[in-house]
N, C-alpha and C. Protein backbone atom coordinates (compact mmCIF):
# COMPACT_ATOMS: atom_id res chain seq x y z
N MET A 1 13.05 37.01 27.11
CA MET A 1 12.28 35.77 27.02
C MET A 1 10.84 36.07 26.63
N LEU A 2 10.36 35.40 25.61
CA LEU A 2 8.97 35.50 25.21
C LEU A 2 8.22 34.27 25.72
N THR A 3 7.10 34.47 26.36
CA THR A 3 6.29 33.36 26.84
C THR A 3 5.03 33.26 25.98
N ILE A 4 4.89 32.13 25.32
CA ILE A 4 3.75 31.89 24.45
C ILE A 4 2.76 31.00 25.19
N TYR A 5 1.60 31.54 25.51
CA TYR A 5 0.54 30.77 26.17
C TYR A 5 -0.44 30.31 25.08
N ILE A 6 -0.61 29.00 24.97
CA ILE A 6 -1.49 28.43 23.95
C ILE A 6 -2.70 27.84 24.65
N TYR A 7 -3.86 28.44 24.39
CA TYR A 7 -5.07 27.95 25.04
C TYR A 7 -5.55 26.71 24.30
N VAL A 8 -5.73 25.62 25.04
CA VAL A 8 -6.18 24.37 24.44
C VAL A 8 -7.55 24.01 25.00
N LEU A 9 -8.42 23.57 24.10
CA LEU A 9 -9.79 23.23 24.47
C LEU A 9 -10.27 22.11 23.57
N ASP A 10 -11.27 21.36 24.05
CA ASP A 10 -11.76 20.23 23.27
C ASP A 10 -12.23 20.67 21.89
N THR A 11 -11.98 19.84 20.91
CA THR A 11 -12.25 20.04 19.48
C THR A 11 -11.34 21.09 18.87
N LEU A 12 -10.23 21.41 19.53
CA LEU A 12 -9.24 22.34 18.97
C LEU A 12 -8.90 21.94 17.53
N ALA A 13 -8.86 22.92 16.64
CA ALA A 13 -8.53 22.69 15.23
C ALA A 13 -7.01 22.59 15.08
N ASP A 14 -6.51 21.38 15.06
CA ASP A 14 -5.07 21.11 15.10
C ASP A 14 -4.27 21.91 14.06
N TRP A 15 -4.76 21.91 12.81
CA TRP A 15 -3.99 22.50 11.71
C TRP A 15 -3.76 24.00 11.86
N GLU A 16 -4.63 24.65 12.60
CA GLU A 16 -4.52 26.11 12.73
C GLU A 16 -3.30 26.53 13.57
N LEU A 17 -2.83 25.64 14.42
CA LEU A 17 -1.66 25.93 15.24
C LEU A 17 -0.38 25.32 14.70
N GLY A 18 -0.49 24.47 13.69
CA GLY A 18 0.65 23.68 13.23
C GLY A 18 1.87 24.50 12.86
N TYR A 19 1.70 25.48 11.99
CA TYR A 19 2.84 26.28 11.55
C TYR A 19 3.45 27.07 12.70
N VAL A 20 2.60 27.76 13.46
CA VAL A 20 3.13 28.71 14.43
C VAL A 20 3.82 28.02 15.60
N ILE A 21 3.23 26.96 16.15
CA ILE A 21 3.88 26.36 17.32
C ILE A 21 5.12 25.57 16.92
N SER A 22 5.14 24.99 15.72
CA SER A 22 6.33 24.25 15.31
C SER A 22 7.52 25.18 15.12
N GLU A 23 7.29 26.36 14.54
CA GLU A 23 8.40 27.30 14.34
C GLU A 23 8.83 27.93 15.65
N LEU A 24 7.89 28.29 16.51
CA LEU A 24 8.26 28.92 17.78
C LEU A 24 8.92 27.93 18.72
N ASN A 25 8.47 26.68 18.71
CA ASN A 25 9.04 25.69 19.60
C ASN A 25 10.42 25.24 19.14
N SER A 26 10.58 25.03 17.84
CA SER A 26 11.86 24.52 17.34
C SER A 26 12.92 25.61 17.22
N GLY A 27 12.48 26.82 16.87
CA GLY A 27 13.44 27.91 16.66
C GLY A 27 14.40 27.65 15.51
N ARG A 28 14.05 26.74 14.62
CA ARG A 28 14.99 26.27 13.60
C ARG A 28 15.40 27.35 12.61
N PHE A 29 14.55 28.37 12.42
CA PHE A 29 14.88 29.42 11.47
C PHE A 29 15.06 30.79 12.15
N PHE A 30 15.22 30.77 13.48
CA PHE A 30 15.38 32.03 14.21
C PHE A 30 16.67 32.75 13.80
N LYS A 31 16.64 34.05 13.89
CA LYS A 31 17.86 34.83 13.67
C LYS A 31 18.77 34.70 14.88
N LYS A 32 20.03 35.08 14.73
CA LYS A 32 21.03 34.84 15.77
C LYS A 32 20.69 35.49 17.10
N ASP A 33 20.15 36.72 17.06
CA ASP A 33 19.89 37.45 18.30
C ASP A 33 18.43 37.39 18.73
N ALA A 34 17.69 36.41 18.24
CA ALA A 34 16.28 36.28 18.61
C ALA A 34 16.12 36.00 20.10
N LYS A 35 15.05 36.54 20.65
CA LYS A 35 14.76 36.26 22.05
C LYS A 35 14.42 34.78 22.23
N LYS A 36 14.73 34.25 23.40
CA LYS A 36 14.35 32.88 23.70
C LYS A 36 12.83 32.80 23.88
N VAL A 37 12.29 31.65 23.53
CA VAL A 37 10.84 31.47 23.56
C VAL A 37 10.50 30.22 24.37
N THR A 38 9.48 30.34 25.20
CA THR A 38 8.96 29.18 25.91
C THR A 38 7.47 29.07 25.63
N LEU A 39 7.00 27.84 25.38
CA LEU A 39 5.59 27.60 25.10
C LEU A 39 4.93 26.89 26.28
N LYS A 40 3.72 27.34 26.62
CA LYS A 40 2.96 26.72 27.70
C LYS A 40 1.54 26.42 27.23
N MET A 41 1.11 25.19 27.42
CA MET A 41 -0.25 24.79 27.07
C MET A 41 -1.18 25.12 28.24
N VAL A 42 -2.15 25.97 27.99
CA VAL A 42 -3.00 26.52 29.05
C VAL A 42 -4.44 26.02 28.87
N SER A 43 -5.10 25.77 29.98
CA SER A 43 -6.53 25.47 29.92
C SER A 43 -7.17 25.81 31.26
N HIS A 44 -8.47 25.59 31.34
CA HIS A 44 -9.21 25.89 32.59
C HIS A 44 -8.97 24.82 33.65
N SER A 45 -8.42 23.67 33.24
CA SER A 45 -8.03 22.62 34.18
C SER A 45 -6.84 21.89 33.55
N LYS A 46 -6.28 20.96 34.29
CA LYS A 46 -5.17 20.18 33.74
C LYS A 46 -5.61 18.79 33.28
N GLU A 47 -6.93 18.67 33.05
CA GLU A 47 -7.45 17.43 32.48
C GLU A 47 -7.09 17.37 30.99
N PRO A 48 -6.86 16.19 30.43
CA PRO A 48 -6.52 16.07 29.01
C PRO A 48 -7.63 16.65 28.13
N ILE A 49 -7.24 17.24 27.03
CA ILE A 49 -8.23 17.70 26.05
C ILE A 49 -8.00 16.91 24.75
N ASN A 50 -9.05 16.78 23.98
CA ASN A 50 -8.99 16.04 22.73
C ASN A 50 -9.22 16.98 21.55
N THR A 51 -8.27 17.00 20.62
CA THR A 51 -8.36 17.90 19.49
C THR A 51 -9.31 17.33 18.43
N MET A 52 -9.61 18.16 17.44
CA MET A 52 -10.47 17.72 16.34
C MET A 52 -9.84 16.56 15.59
N GLY A 53 -8.52 16.53 15.54
CA GLY A 53 -7.81 15.46 14.84
C GLY A 53 -7.60 14.22 15.68
N GLY A 54 -8.09 14.21 16.93
CA GLY A 54 -7.97 13.04 17.77
C GLY A 54 -6.72 12.98 18.62
N LEU A 55 -5.95 14.06 18.65
CA LEU A 55 -4.77 14.10 19.51
C LEU A 55 -5.18 14.45 20.94
N THR A 56 -4.41 13.98 21.88
CA THR A 56 -4.64 14.30 23.29
C THR A 56 -3.55 15.25 23.77
N ILE A 57 -3.96 16.35 24.38
CA ILE A 57 -3.02 17.33 24.91
C ILE A 57 -3.23 17.46 26.40
N ILE A 58 -2.13 17.43 27.16
CA ILE A 58 -2.20 17.61 28.61
C ILE A 58 -1.79 19.05 28.93
N PRO A 59 -2.70 19.89 29.38
CA PRO A 59 -2.33 21.25 29.73
C PRO A 59 -1.30 21.26 30.86
N THR A 60 -0.39 22.22 30.80
CA THR A 60 0.65 22.35 31.83
C THR A 60 0.50 23.62 32.65
N CYS A 61 -0.47 24.45 32.29
CA CYS A 61 -0.61 25.75 32.95
C CYS A 61 -2.10 26.08 33.07
N LEU A 62 -2.50 26.60 34.21
CA LEU A 62 -3.88 27.04 34.42
C LEU A 62 -4.00 28.53 34.08
N ILE A 63 -5.21 28.95 33.79
CA ILE A 63 -5.43 30.34 33.37
C ILE A 63 -4.93 31.33 34.42
N ASP A 64 -5.17 31.03 35.70
CA ASP A 64 -4.75 31.98 36.73
C ASP A 64 -3.25 31.95 37.00
N GLU A 65 -2.53 31.06 36.30
CA GLU A 65 -1.07 31.03 36.41
C GLU A 65 -0.39 31.84 35.30
N ILE A 66 -1.18 32.38 34.39
CA ILE A 66 -0.63 33.18 33.30
C ILE A 66 -0.07 34.49 33.86
N GLU A 67 1.15 34.82 33.43
CA GLU A 67 1.76 36.09 33.81
C GLU A 67 1.70 37.02 32.60
N VAL A 68 0.99 38.13 32.77
CA VAL A 68 0.78 39.04 31.65
C VAL A 68 1.81 40.16 31.65
N SER A 69 2.52 40.30 30.53
CA SER A 69 3.46 41.40 30.34
C SER A 69 3.57 41.63 28.84
N GLU A 70 4.34 42.63 28.44
CA GLU A 70 4.50 42.89 27.02
C GLU A 70 5.28 41.77 26.32
N ALA A 71 5.89 40.89 27.10
CA ALA A 71 6.60 39.74 26.53
C ALA A 71 5.73 38.47 26.55
N SER A 72 4.44 38.64 26.84
CA SER A 72 3.51 37.51 26.87
C SER A 72 2.68 37.50 25.60
N ILE A 73 2.45 36.33 25.06
CA ILE A 73 1.66 36.16 23.85
C ILE A 73 0.62 35.09 24.11
N LEU A 74 -0.63 35.37 23.78
CA LEU A 74 -1.72 34.42 23.96
C LEU A 74 -2.23 33.97 22.60
N LEU A 75 -2.14 32.66 22.33
CA LEU A 75 -2.65 32.09 21.09
C LEU A 75 -3.99 31.40 21.37
N LEU A 76 -5.00 31.79 20.59
CA LEU A 76 -6.34 31.23 20.75
C LEU A 76 -6.75 30.53 19.46
N PRO A 77 -6.77 29.21 19.44
CA PRO A 77 -7.10 28.46 18.22
C PRO A 77 -8.61 28.31 18.05
N GLY A 78 -8.99 27.92 16.85
CA GLY A 78 -10.39 27.61 16.61
C GLY A 78 -10.79 26.30 17.27
N ALA A 79 -12.09 26.16 17.50
CA ALA A 79 -12.67 24.94 18.08
C ALA A 79 -14.18 25.06 17.97
N ASN A 80 -14.86 23.93 18.10
CA ASN A 80 -16.32 23.95 18.06
C ASN A 80 -16.95 24.18 19.42
N THR A 81 -16.12 24.40 20.44
CA THR A 81 -16.64 24.46 21.81
C THR A 81 -16.48 25.83 22.47
N TRP A 82 -16.21 26.87 21.66
CA TRP A 82 -15.97 28.19 22.24
C TRP A 82 -17.20 28.76 22.95
N SER A 83 -18.39 28.27 22.62
CA SER A 83 -19.60 28.79 23.26
C SER A 83 -19.79 28.31 24.69
N ASP A 84 -18.99 27.35 25.13
CA ASP A 84 -19.09 26.84 26.50
C ASP A 84 -18.68 27.94 27.48
N PRO A 85 -19.52 28.24 28.47
CA PRO A 85 -19.24 29.32 29.42
C PRO A 85 -17.91 29.17 30.17
N LYS A 86 -17.38 27.95 30.26
CA LYS A 86 -16.13 27.76 31.01
C LYS A 86 -14.95 28.47 30.35
N HIS A 87 -15.11 28.89 29.10
CA HIS A 87 -14.02 29.60 28.43
C HIS A 87 -14.05 31.11 28.70
N GLY A 88 -15.02 31.54 29.51
CA GLY A 88 -15.11 32.95 29.86
C GLY A 88 -13.85 33.47 30.55
N ALA A 89 -13.20 32.63 31.32
CA ALA A 89 -12.02 33.07 32.08
C ALA A 89 -10.87 33.44 31.14
N ILE A 90 -10.69 32.68 30.05
CA ILE A 90 -9.58 33.01 29.14
C ILE A 90 -9.91 34.26 28.34
N LEU A 91 -11.20 34.52 28.10
CA LEU A 91 -11.57 35.74 27.40
C LEU A 91 -11.35 36.97 28.29
N GLU A 92 -11.56 36.81 29.59
CA GLU A 92 -11.21 37.89 30.52
C GLU A 92 -9.71 38.12 30.50
N LYS A 93 -8.95 37.04 30.42
CA LYS A 93 -7.49 37.18 30.37
C LYS A 93 -7.06 37.84 29.05
N ALA A 94 -7.73 37.52 27.95
CA ALA A 94 -7.43 38.16 26.67
C ALA A 94 -7.67 39.66 26.75
N THR A 95 -8.73 40.06 27.43
CA THR A 95 -9.02 41.48 27.63
C THR A 95 -7.88 42.14 28.41
N GLU A 96 -7.41 41.46 29.43
CA GLU A 96 -6.29 41.97 30.23
C GLU A 96 -5.02 42.09 29.38
N PHE A 97 -4.78 41.10 28.57
CA PHE A 97 -3.62 41.13 27.67
C PHE A 97 -3.63 42.40 26.82
N LEU A 98 -4.74 42.64 26.16
CA LEU A 98 -4.80 43.77 25.23
C LEU A 98 -4.69 45.11 25.96
N LYS A 99 -5.26 45.19 27.14
CA LYS A 99 -5.17 46.43 27.92
C LYS A 99 -3.73 46.73 28.34
N LEU A 100 -2.95 45.67 28.58
CA LEU A 100 -1.58 45.84 29.06
C LEU A 100 -0.56 45.78 27.92
N ASN A 101 -1.05 45.84 26.68
CA ASN A 101 -0.19 45.83 25.49
C ASN A 101 0.52 44.50 25.27
N ALA A 102 0.00 43.43 25.84
CA ALA A 102 0.47 42.09 25.52
C ALA A 102 -0.26 41.63 24.25
N THR A 103 0.23 40.59 23.62
CA THR A 103 -0.26 40.20 22.30
C THR A 103 -1.28 39.07 22.38
N VAL A 104 -2.37 39.24 21.63
CA VAL A 104 -3.40 38.21 21.50
C VAL A 104 -3.53 37.84 20.03
N CYS A 105 -3.46 36.53 19.74
CA CYS A 105 -3.56 36.04 18.37
C CYS A 105 -4.69 35.02 18.32
N ALA A 106 -5.73 35.32 17.55
CA ALA A 106 -6.91 34.46 17.51
C ALA A 106 -7.23 34.06 16.08
N ILE A 107 -7.65 32.82 15.90
CA ILE A 107 -7.96 32.31 14.57
C ILE A 107 -9.29 31.57 14.60
N CYS A 108 -10.03 31.67 13.50
CA CYS A 108 -11.26 30.92 13.29
C CYS A 108 -12.27 31.16 14.43
N GLY A 109 -12.74 30.11 15.07
CA GLY A 109 -13.76 30.24 16.10
C GLY A 109 -13.38 31.12 17.27
N ALA A 110 -12.09 31.25 17.52
CA ALA A 110 -11.65 32.11 18.62
C ALA A 110 -11.95 33.58 18.33
N THR A 111 -12.04 33.96 17.04
CA THR A 111 -12.38 35.35 16.73
C THR A 111 -13.81 35.65 17.12
N SER A 112 -14.71 34.70 16.96
CA SER A 112 -16.10 34.93 17.38
C SER A 112 -16.19 35.05 18.89
N ALA A 113 -15.34 34.30 19.60
CA ALA A 113 -15.31 34.41 21.05
C ALA A 113 -14.85 35.80 21.48
N LEU A 114 -13.83 36.34 20.80
CA LEU A 114 -13.39 37.71 21.09
C LEU A 114 -14.49 38.72 20.75
N ALA A 115 -15.18 38.47 19.65
CA ALA A 115 -16.26 39.37 19.25
C ALA A 115 -17.38 39.39 20.29
N ASN A 116 -17.63 38.25 20.90
CA ASN A 116 -18.71 38.16 21.89
C ASN A 116 -18.45 39.01 23.13
N VAL A 117 -17.17 39.30 23.40
CA VAL A 117 -16.86 40.13 24.58
C VAL A 117 -16.42 41.53 24.16
N GLY A 118 -16.71 41.90 22.91
CA GLY A 118 -16.49 43.27 22.47
C GLY A 118 -15.08 43.64 22.06
N LEU A 119 -14.18 42.66 21.98
CA LEU A 119 -12.78 42.99 21.71
C LEU A 119 -12.50 43.30 20.24
N LEU A 120 -13.48 43.05 19.37
CA LEU A 120 -13.31 43.36 17.95
C LEU A 120 -14.16 44.55 17.51
N ASP A 121 -14.81 45.20 18.44
CA ASP A 121 -15.73 46.28 18.08
C ASP A 121 -15.03 47.53 17.55
N ASN A 122 -13.78 47.76 17.98
CA ASN A 122 -13.11 49.01 17.65
C ASN A 122 -11.71 48.84 17.10
N ARG A 123 -11.42 47.65 16.56
CA ARG A 123 -10.08 47.39 16.05
C ARG A 123 -10.14 46.63 14.74
N PRO A 124 -9.25 46.92 13.78
CA PRO A 124 -9.21 46.14 12.54
C PRO A 124 -9.02 44.66 12.85
N HIS A 125 -9.77 43.82 12.13
CA HIS A 125 -9.74 42.38 12.40
C HIS A 125 -10.32 41.63 11.22
N THR A 126 -10.19 40.32 11.27
CA THR A 126 -10.85 39.46 10.30
C THR A 126 -11.39 38.22 11.00
N SER A 127 -12.02 37.35 10.23
CA SER A 127 -12.58 36.11 10.77
C SER A 127 -12.92 35.22 9.58
N ASN A 128 -13.88 34.32 9.77
CA ASN A 128 -14.30 33.43 8.70
C ASN A 128 -15.31 34.09 7.76
N GLY A 129 -15.50 35.37 7.92
CA GLY A 129 -16.47 36.13 7.13
C GLY A 129 -17.24 37.06 8.05
N LEU A 130 -17.65 38.18 7.51
CA LEU A 130 -18.42 39.13 8.32
C LEU A 130 -19.73 38.50 8.78
N GLU A 131 -20.37 37.76 7.88
CA GLU A 131 -21.64 37.12 8.24
C GLU A 131 -21.43 36.09 9.35
N TYR A 132 -20.27 35.43 9.32
CA TYR A 132 -19.95 34.45 10.37
C TYR A 132 -19.98 35.11 11.75
N LEU A 133 -19.33 36.26 11.86
CA LEU A 133 -19.31 36.95 13.16
C LEU A 133 -20.70 37.41 13.55
N GLU A 134 -21.46 37.88 12.59
CA GLU A 134 -22.81 38.37 12.90
C GLU A 134 -23.73 37.24 13.36
N VAL A 135 -23.51 36.04 12.84
CA VAL A 135 -24.33 34.90 13.23
C VAL A 135 -23.90 34.33 14.57
N PHE A 136 -22.59 34.14 14.75
CA PHE A 136 -22.10 33.46 15.95
C PHE A 136 -21.78 34.41 17.11
N SER A 137 -21.81 35.71 16.84
CA SER A 137 -21.54 36.70 17.90
C SER A 137 -22.63 37.77 17.84
N PRO A 138 -23.79 37.49 18.42
CA PRO A 138 -24.94 38.39 18.29
C PRO A 138 -24.69 39.81 18.79
N THR A 139 -23.74 40.00 19.70
CA THR A 139 -23.47 41.34 20.24
C THR A 139 -22.38 42.08 19.47
N TYR A 140 -21.86 41.47 18.42
CA TYR A 140 -20.77 42.04 17.63
C TYR A 140 -21.16 43.37 17.00
N LYS A 141 -20.29 44.38 17.15
CA LYS A 141 -20.55 45.70 16.60
C LYS A 141 -19.36 46.23 15.80
N GLY A 142 -18.50 45.34 15.35
CA GLY A 142 -17.27 45.78 14.70
C GLY A 142 -17.28 45.75 13.18
N GLN A 143 -18.47 45.80 12.58
CA GLN A 143 -18.56 45.68 11.12
C GLN A 143 -17.68 46.69 10.39
N ASN A 144 -17.57 47.90 10.90
CA ASN A 144 -16.79 48.94 10.22
C ASN A 144 -15.29 48.68 10.27
N TYR A 145 -14.87 47.76 11.12
CA TYR A 145 -13.45 47.44 11.27
C TYR A 145 -13.08 46.10 10.65
N TYR A 146 -14.07 45.45 10.05
CA TYR A 146 -13.81 44.12 9.47
C TYR A 146 -13.05 44.27 8.16
N ILE A 147 -12.00 43.45 7.99
CA ILE A 147 -11.19 43.43 6.77
C ILE A 147 -11.25 42.03 6.18
N ASP A 148 -11.63 41.94 4.93
CA ASP A 148 -11.82 40.63 4.29
C ASP A 148 -10.49 40.11 3.76
N GLN A 149 -9.65 39.65 4.69
CA GLN A 149 -8.37 39.04 4.37
C GLN A 149 -8.20 37.79 5.22
N GLN A 150 -7.23 36.95 4.85
CA GLN A 150 -7.01 35.72 5.62
C GLN A 150 -6.49 36.01 7.01
N SER A 151 -5.68 37.05 7.15
CA SER A 151 -5.13 37.40 8.47
C SER A 151 -4.92 38.90 8.52
N VAL A 152 -5.17 39.48 9.68
CA VAL A 152 -5.05 40.93 9.87
C VAL A 152 -4.30 41.19 11.17
N ALA A 153 -3.26 41.99 11.08
CA ALA A 153 -2.48 42.38 12.25
C ALA A 153 -2.76 43.84 12.59
N ASP A 154 -3.20 44.08 13.81
CA ASP A 154 -3.41 45.44 14.31
C ASP A 154 -2.62 45.58 15.61
N LYS A 155 -1.37 45.97 15.48
CA LYS A 155 -0.48 46.11 16.64
C LYS A 155 -0.42 44.79 17.40
N ASN A 156 -0.98 44.75 18.62
CA ASN A 156 -0.86 43.54 19.44
C ASN A 156 -2.07 42.61 19.34
N LEU A 157 -2.88 42.79 18.29
CA LEU A 157 -4.00 41.88 18.03
C LEU A 157 -3.86 41.35 16.61
N ILE A 158 -3.78 40.02 16.49
CA ILE A 158 -3.64 39.38 15.18
C ILE A 158 -4.75 38.34 15.04
N THR A 159 -5.61 38.54 14.04
CA THR A 159 -6.75 37.64 13.85
C THR A 159 -6.67 36.99 12.47
N ALA A 160 -7.32 35.83 12.34
CA ALA A 160 -7.27 35.11 11.07
C ALA A 160 -8.50 34.24 10.88
N SER A 161 -8.75 33.91 9.61
CA SER A 161 -9.80 32.96 9.27
C SER A 161 -9.26 31.54 9.38
N CYS A 162 -10.15 30.56 9.24
CA CYS A 162 -9.73 29.16 9.34
C CYS A 162 -8.81 28.76 8.20
N THR A 163 -8.77 29.54 7.12
CA THR A 163 -7.87 29.24 6.01
C THR A 163 -6.58 30.05 6.07
N GLY A 164 -6.42 30.84 7.12
CA GLY A 164 -5.31 31.79 7.16
C GLY A 164 -4.16 31.42 8.07
N ALA A 165 -4.00 30.14 8.41
CA ALA A 165 -2.97 29.76 9.39
C ALA A 165 -1.57 30.15 8.96
N LEU A 166 -1.26 30.02 7.67
CA LEU A 166 0.09 30.35 7.21
C LEU A 166 0.35 31.85 7.29
N GLN A 167 -0.59 32.66 6.81
CA GLN A 167 -0.42 34.11 6.87
C GLN A 167 -0.44 34.60 8.31
N TRP A 168 -1.30 34.00 9.14
CA TRP A 168 -1.37 34.32 10.57
C TRP A 168 -0.02 34.08 11.23
N THR A 169 0.59 32.93 10.91
CA THR A 169 1.89 32.60 11.47
C THR A 169 2.93 33.61 11.01
N LYS A 170 2.90 33.99 9.75
CA LYS A 170 3.85 34.97 9.24
C LYS A 170 3.74 36.28 10.01
N GLN A 171 2.52 36.73 10.25
CA GLN A 171 2.32 38.00 10.96
C GLN A 171 2.74 37.89 12.43
N ILE A 172 2.52 36.72 13.03
CA ILE A 172 2.96 36.51 14.41
C ILE A 172 4.48 36.53 14.50
N LEU A 173 5.14 35.80 13.59
CA LEU A 173 6.60 35.76 13.59
C LEU A 173 7.18 37.15 13.34
N ALA A 174 6.56 37.91 12.45
CA ALA A 174 7.03 39.27 12.19
C ALA A 174 6.86 40.15 13.42
N HIS A 175 5.72 40.01 14.09
CA HIS A 175 5.45 40.81 15.29
C HIS A 175 6.46 40.49 16.40
N LEU A 176 6.80 39.22 16.54
CA LEU A 176 7.74 38.80 17.59
C LEU A 176 9.19 39.08 17.21
N ASP A 177 9.43 39.32 15.92
CA ASP A 177 10.76 39.68 15.42
C ASP A 177 11.80 38.59 15.74
N VAL A 178 11.43 37.34 15.45
CA VAL A 178 12.35 36.23 15.72
C VAL A 178 13.03 35.70 14.45
N PHE A 179 12.54 36.09 13.29
CA PHE A 179 13.14 35.73 12.00
C PHE A 179 13.79 36.96 11.39
N GLN A 180 14.86 36.77 10.63
CA GLN A 180 15.32 37.83 9.76
C GLN A 180 14.24 38.07 8.70
N SER A 181 14.14 39.29 8.19
CA SER A 181 13.07 39.60 7.23
C SER A 181 13.16 38.74 5.97
N ASP A 182 14.38 38.51 5.46
CA ASP A 182 14.50 37.69 4.25
C ASP A 182 14.18 36.22 4.53
N THR A 183 14.51 35.76 5.73
CA THR A 183 14.14 34.39 6.12
C THR A 183 12.63 34.24 6.16
N LEU A 184 11.96 35.22 6.76
CA LEU A 184 10.50 35.15 6.87
C LEU A 184 9.84 35.15 5.50
N GLU A 185 10.30 36.00 4.60
CA GLU A 185 9.71 36.06 3.27
C GLU A 185 9.93 34.74 2.52
N SER A 186 11.15 34.19 2.59
CA SER A 186 11.44 32.93 1.90
C SER A 186 10.64 31.78 2.51
N TRP A 187 10.54 31.79 3.84
CA TRP A 187 9.74 30.77 4.54
C TRP A 187 8.31 30.80 4.05
N HIS A 188 7.70 31.97 4.03
CA HIS A 188 6.31 32.10 3.61
C HIS A 188 6.15 31.73 2.14
N ASP A 189 7.06 32.19 1.30
CA ASP A 189 6.96 31.89 -0.13
C ASP A 189 7.07 30.40 -0.40
N TYR A 190 7.96 29.73 0.34
CA TYR A 190 8.13 28.28 0.12
C TYR A 190 6.88 27.51 0.53
N PHE A 191 6.36 27.80 1.71
CA PHE A 191 5.22 27.04 2.20
C PHE A 191 3.92 27.41 1.50
N SER A 192 3.86 28.58 0.88
CA SER A 192 2.65 28.97 0.17
C SER A 192 2.66 28.53 -1.29
N THR A 193 3.85 28.31 -1.87
CA THR A 193 3.92 27.93 -3.28
C THR A 193 4.49 26.55 -3.52
N GLY A 194 5.36 26.07 -2.63
CA GLY A 194 6.03 24.79 -2.84
C GLY A 194 7.17 24.85 -3.83
N ASP A 195 7.50 26.05 -4.29
CA ASP A 195 8.58 26.21 -5.27
C ASP A 195 9.93 26.03 -4.57
N SER A 196 10.74 25.10 -5.06
CA SER A 196 12.00 24.76 -4.40
C SER A 196 12.98 25.92 -4.36
N LYS A 197 12.85 26.89 -5.27
CA LYS A 197 13.78 28.01 -5.25
C LYS A 197 13.68 28.79 -3.94
N TYR A 198 12.47 28.78 -3.36
CA TYR A 198 12.30 29.49 -2.09
C TYR A 198 12.89 28.69 -0.93
N PHE A 199 12.91 27.37 -1.07
CA PHE A 199 13.55 26.56 -0.04
C PHE A 199 15.04 26.89 0.02
N PHE A 200 15.68 26.96 -1.13
CA PHE A 200 17.11 27.28 -1.15
C PHE A 200 17.37 28.71 -0.69
N ALA A 201 16.45 29.62 -1.02
CA ALA A 201 16.58 30.99 -0.53
C ALA A 201 16.44 31.03 0.99
N LEU A 202 15.56 30.20 1.51
CA LEU A 202 15.38 30.09 2.96
C LEU A 202 16.66 29.59 3.62
N MET A 203 17.24 28.53 3.08
CA MET A 203 18.47 27.98 3.65
C MET A 203 19.61 29.00 3.60
N GLU A 204 19.70 29.71 2.50
CA GLU A 204 20.78 30.69 2.34
C GLU A 204 20.61 31.90 3.25
N SER A 205 19.39 32.15 3.69
CA SER A 205 19.14 33.32 4.54
C SER A 205 19.49 33.09 6.00
N LEU A 206 19.71 31.81 6.37
CA LEU A 206 19.92 31.51 7.79
C LEU A 206 21.29 32.01 8.27
N PRO A 207 21.36 32.48 9.51
CA PRO A 207 22.59 33.09 10.03
C PRO A 207 23.83 32.22 9.87
N SER A 208 23.71 30.92 10.07
CA SER A 208 24.89 30.04 10.01
C SER A 208 25.50 30.03 8.62
N ASN A 209 24.67 30.33 7.61
CA ASN A 209 25.18 30.35 6.23
C ASN A 209 25.70 31.71 5.82
N ASN A 210 25.53 32.70 6.70
CA ASN A 210 25.98 34.04 6.37
C ASN A 210 27.27 34.42 7.08
N GLU A 211 27.76 33.51 7.89
CA GLU A 211 28.98 33.80 8.63
C GLU A 211 30.20 33.63 7.74
N SER A 212 31.19 34.46 7.89
CA SER A 212 32.42 34.35 7.09
C SER A 212 33.36 33.32 7.68
């Protein structure tokens, strides 16, 4: 069982989580022997939060209820409110995740939050730009590890820019090993190009269509 903890906070950038949570929650393209997945919406309280798109999310899990193991995954979306000190507790939990070889996936503003606590100083990563991290994370010292790509996977740390949600999702799905490799490639090719040939390749790659 894989437990996906999704940190939700006010002004959360809805689109950055769209691909990854829909595929992990639905399991519609999972391979036959994929591990079961459960998603939990986590926050510092169980009060409703309002996303950038105006959606309301009710957290179901508190930060101190998170169980950290190698089967735990923490998703940190972008938001305009990461500078609020109340988010310090989830950053401490992210540090614990990485130390215990659990997976942390951060996109957009969440990367600057990780940079502020030193988690990007010694590991390959990306963000909305090197200058972005230097401006919004004054203590950042990871310039030598910055990679100018939409998404960067370094073992159990996966980071992305605000434009990298699709590639970020691909790297997360690959890391979790819940798709067949040909399914994942067809999925990514279809959603990145819109070419219908990849849709049919995606359908043909699914386990139910490969059974004799």
